[in-house]
Amino acid sequence: MDSAGEQHAVVYLFLCIAGTALPLAQFVPWLSANGLNVPLLLQQATSSNIAAFAWADVLISGLATITLICVEGRRLGMRRLWVPLSSIVVGPSLALPLFLFLREQHLARPKAH
């Protein structure tokens, strides 16, 4: 991997950590207090226009991330796309930088002829 690729990889890994830690830092305490109460989660997620805006943004970002992983991953012949796809359960904030990190690694590999 060249110097620029290594720098990108470090940024993507940092974003993976932040994209995991920040959302879970909010969700885990809520989950501890309320359990997996889906009706309450949906009620609170749509309790105001700004909450609904944020969740709509996350939903569309998640769908765009899944599409990117599938389309770009297949186009490049990447393996184990299930790894970034399954990380969408944490959120696009993990799935997207993880995919970009794996894509960077894939592009840096020597091509077999």
C-alpha atoms as a PDB file:
ATOM      1  CA  MET A   1       0.000   0.000   0.000  1.00  0.00           C
ATOM      2  CA  ASP A   2       1.375   3.430  -0.895  1.00  0.00           C
ATOM      3  CA  SER A   3       1.708   6.268   1.604  1.00  0.00           C
ATOM      4  CA  ALA A   4      -1.611   7.872   0.614  1.00  0.00           C
ATOM      5  CA  GLY A   5      -3.361   4.516   0.845  1.00  0.00           C
ATOM      6  CA  GLU A   6      -1.898   3.936   4.305  1.00  0.00           C
ATOM      7  CA  GLN A   7      -3.073   7.376   5.426  1.00  0.00           C
ATOM      8  CA  HIS A   8      -6.570   6.645   4.111  1.00  0.00           C
ATOM      9  CA  ALA A   9      -6.575   3.292   5.895  1.00  0.00           C
ATOM     10  CA  VAL A  10      -5.688   4.954   9.210  1.00  0.00           C
ATOM     11  CA  VAL A  11      -8.472   7.511   8.749  1.00  0.00           C
ATOM     12  CA  TYR A  12     -10.970   4.762   7.888  1.00  0.00           C
ATOM     13  CA  LEU A  13      -9.960   2.734  10.958  1.00  0.00           C
ATOM     14  CA  PHE A  14     -10.337   5.798  13.179  1.00  0.00           C
ATOM     15  CA  LEU A  15     -13.800   6.387  11.680  1.00  0.00           C
ATOM     16  CA  CYS A  16     -14.686   2.728  12.351  1.00  0.00           C
ATOM     17  CA  ILE A  17     -13.827   3.201  16.014  1.00  0.00           C
ATOM     18  CA  ALA A  18     -15.704   6.501  16.280  1.00  0.00           C
ATOM     19  CA  GLY A  19     -18.610   5.114  14.235  1.00  0.00           C
ATOM     20  CA  THR A  20     -18.931   2.256  16.697  1.00  0.00           C
ATOM     21  CA  ALA A  21     -18.231   4.020  19.986  1.00  0.00           C
ATOM     22  CA  LEU A  22     -20.363   7.134  19.564  1.00  0.00           C
ATOM     23  CA  PRO A  23     -23.666   5.484  18.566  1.00  0.00           C
ATOM     24  CA  LEU A  24     -23.256   2.644  21.073  1.00  0.00           C
ATOM     25  CA  ALA A  25     -22.435   5.131  23.844  1.00  0.00           C
ATOM     26  CA  GLN A  26     -25.979   6.437  23.366  1.00  0.00           C
ATOM     27  CA  PHE A  27     -27.758   3.154  22.675  1.00  0.00           C
ATOM     28  CA  VAL A  28     -26.296   0.892  25.390  1.00  0.00           C
ATOM     29  CA  PRO A  29     -27.494   3.056  28.327  1.00  0.00           C
ATOM     30  CA  TRP A  30     -30.936   3.339  26.706  1.00  0.00           C
ATOM     31  CA  LEU A  31     -31.007  -0.437  26.201  1.00  0.00           C
ATOM     32  CA  SER A  32     -29.950  -1.017  29.827  1.00  0.00           C
ATOM     33  CA  ALA A  33     -32.741   1.230  31.068  1.00  0.00           C
ATOM     34  CA  ASN A  34     -35.502   0.058  28.719  1.00  0.00           C
ATOM     35  CA  GLY A  35     -34.548  -3.375  27.429  1.00  0.00           C
ATOM     36  CA  LEU A  36     -35.313  -4.184  23.813  1.00  0.00           C
ATOM     37  CA  ASN A  37     -38.575  -2.245  23.870  1.00  0.00           C
ATOM     38  CA  VAL A  38     -39.113  -1.697  20.129  1.00  0.00           C
ATOM     39  CA  PRO A  39     -42.423   0.228  20.473  1.00  0.00           C
ATOM     40  CA  LEU A  40     -40.753   2.657  22.915  1.00  0.00           C
ATOM     41  CA  LEU A  41     -37.714   2.962  20.642  1.00  0.00           C
ATOM     42  CA  LEU A  42     -39.927   3.833  17.659  1.00  0.00           C
ATOM     43  CA  GLN A  43     -42.016   6.235  19.751  1.00  0.00           C
ATOM     44  CA  GLN A  44     -38.920   8.078  20.985  1.00  0.00           C
ATOM     45  CA  ALA A  45     -37.253   8.026  17.560  1.00  0.00           C
ATOM     46  CA  THR A  46     -40.258   9.810  16.057  1.00  0.00           C
ATOM     47  CA  SER A  47     -41.201  11.941  19.070  1.00  0.00           C
ATOM     48  CA  SER A  48     -40.095  15.176  17.406  1.00  0.00           C
ATOM     49  CA  ASN A  49     -39.376  16.431  13.932  1.00  0.00           C
ATOM     50  CA  ILE A  50     -35.642  16.566  14.634  1.00  0.00           C
ATOM     51  CA  ALA A  51     -35.582  12.981  15.944  1.00  0.00           C
ATOM     52  CA  ALA A  52     -37.526  11.764  12.899  1.00  0.00           C
ATOM     53  CA  PHE A  53     -35.181  13.773  10.643  1.00  0.00           C
ATOM     54  CA  ALA A  54     -32.111  12.113  12.204  1.00  0.00           C
ATOM     55  CA  TRP A  55     -33.572   8.606  11.921  1.00  0.00           C
ATOM     56  CA  ALA A  56     -34.703   9.183   8.324  1.00  0.00           C
ATOM     57  CA  ASP A  57     -31.160  10.340   7.519  1.00  0.00           C
ATOM     58  CA  VAL A  58     -29.664   7.227   9.146  1.00  0.00           C
ATOM     59  CA  LEU A  59     -32.102   4.972   7.281  1.00  0.00           C
ATOM     60  CA  ILE A  60     -31.321   6.462   3.864  1.00  0.00           C
ATOM     61  CA  SER A  61     -27.585   6.523   4.627  1.00  0.00           C
ATOM     62  CA  GLY A  62     -27.801   2.866   5.621  1.00  0.00           C
ATOM     63  CA  LEU A  63     -29.555   1.898   2.396  1.00  0.00           C
ATOM     64  CA  ALA A  64     -27.010   3.863   0.356  1.00  0.00           C
ATOM     65  CA  THR A  65     -24.169   2.168   2.255  1.00  0.00           C
ATOM     66  CA  ILE A  66     -25.610  -1.308   1.657  1.00  0.00           C
ATOM     67  CA  THR A  67     -26.016  -0.500  -2.050  1.00  0.00           C
ATOM     68  CA  LEU A  68     -22.442   0.796  -2.300  1.00  0.00           C
ATOM     69  CA  ILE A  69     -21.020  -2.265  -0.547  1.00  0.00           C
ATOM     70  CA  CYS A  70     -22.908  -4.650  -2.827  1.00  0.00           C
ATOM     71  CA  VAL A  71     -22.329  -2.826  -6.127  1.00  0.00           C
ATOM     72  CA  GLU A  72     -18.742  -1.650  -5.624  1.00  0.00           C
ATOM     73  CA  GLY A  73     -17.691  -4.791  -3.771  1.00  0.00           C
ATOM     74  CA  ARG A  74     -18.919  -7.043  -6.578  1.00  0.00           C
ATOM     75  CA  ARG A  75     -17.468  -4.754  -9.257  1.00  0.00           C
ATOM     76  CA  LEU A  76     -14.042  -5.041  -7.632  1.00  0.00           C
ATOM     77  CA  GLY A  77     -14.385  -8.763  -6.899  1.00  0.00           C
ATOM     78  CA  MET A  78     -14.005  -8.247  -3.151  1.00  0.00           C
ATOM     79  CA  ARG A  79     -14.486 -11.207  -0.841  1.00  0.00           C
ATOM     80  CA  ARG A  80     -16.232 -11.388   2.518  1.00  0.00           C
ATOM     81  CA  LEU A  81     -18.646  -8.534   1.835  1.00  0.00           C
ATOM     82  CA  TRP A  82     -20.747  -9.982   4.656  1.00  0.00           C
ATOM     83  CA  VAL A  83     -18.333  -8.352   7.127  1.00  0.00           C
ATOM     84  CA  PRO A  84     -19.170  -4.727   6.302  1.00  0.00           C
ATOM     85  CA  LEU A  85     -22.777  -5.667   5.470  1.00  0.00           C
ATOM     86  CA  SER A  86     -23.317  -7.236   8.888  1.00  0.00           C
ATOM     87  CA  SER A  87     -21.798  -4.197  10.609  1.00  0.00           C
ATOM     88  CA  ILE A  88     -24.814  -2.188   9.444  1.00  0.00           C
ATOM     89  CA  VAL A  89     -26.517  -3.399  12.645  1.00  0.00           C
ATOM     90  CA  VAL A  90     -24.302  -0.885  14.464  1.00  0.00           C
ATOM     91  CA  GLY A  91     -25.021   1.653  11.736  1.00  0.00           C
ATOM     92  CA  PRO A  92     -23.747   3.230   8.557  1.00  0.00           C
ATOM     93  CA  SER A  93     -21.212   5.044  10.738  1.00  0.00           C
ATOM     94  CA  LEU A  94     -19.370   1.717  11.096  1.00  0.00           C
ATOM     95  CA  ALA A  95     -20.350  -0.088   7.890  1.00  0.00           C
ATOM     96  CA  LEU A  96     -19.204   2.633   5.475  1.00  0.00           C
ATOM     97  CA  PRO A  97     -15.707   3.293   6.869  1.00  0.00           C
ATOM     98  CA  LEU A  98     -15.184  -0.456   7.356  1.00  0.00           C
ATOM     99  CA  PHE A  99     -16.059  -1.082   3.718  1.00  0.00           C
ATOM    100  CA  LEU A 100     -13.783   1.772   2.597  1.00  0.00           C
ATOM    101  CA  PHE A 101     -10.934   0.329   4.692  1.00  0.00           C
ATOM    102  CA  LEU A 102     -11.432  -3.143   3.199  1.00  0.00           C
ATOM    103  CA  ARG A 103     -11.708  -1.628  -0.283  1.00  0.00           C
ATOM    104  CA  GLU A 104      -8.430   0.233   0.245  1.00  0.00           C
ATOM    105  CA  GLN A 105      -6.745  -3.032   1.270  1.00  0.00           C
ATOM    106  CA  HIS A 106      -8.242  -4.844  -1.714  1.00  0.00           C
ATOM    107  CA  LEU A 107      -7.035  -2.192  -4.170  1.00  0.00           C
ATOM    108  CA  ALA A 108      -3.527  -2.280  -2.658  1.00  0.00           C
ATOM    109  CA  ARG A 109      -3.111  -6.032  -3.248  1.00  0.00           C
ATOM    110  CA  PRO A 110      -1.039  -7.096  -6.241  1.00  0.00           C
ATOM    111  CA  LYS A 111      -3.272  -8.395  -9.020  1.00  0.00           C
ATOM    112  CA  ALA A 112      -2.891 -12.065  -9.985  1.00  0.00           C
ATOM    113  CA  HIS A 113      -2.845 -12.695 -13.732  1.00  0.00           C
END
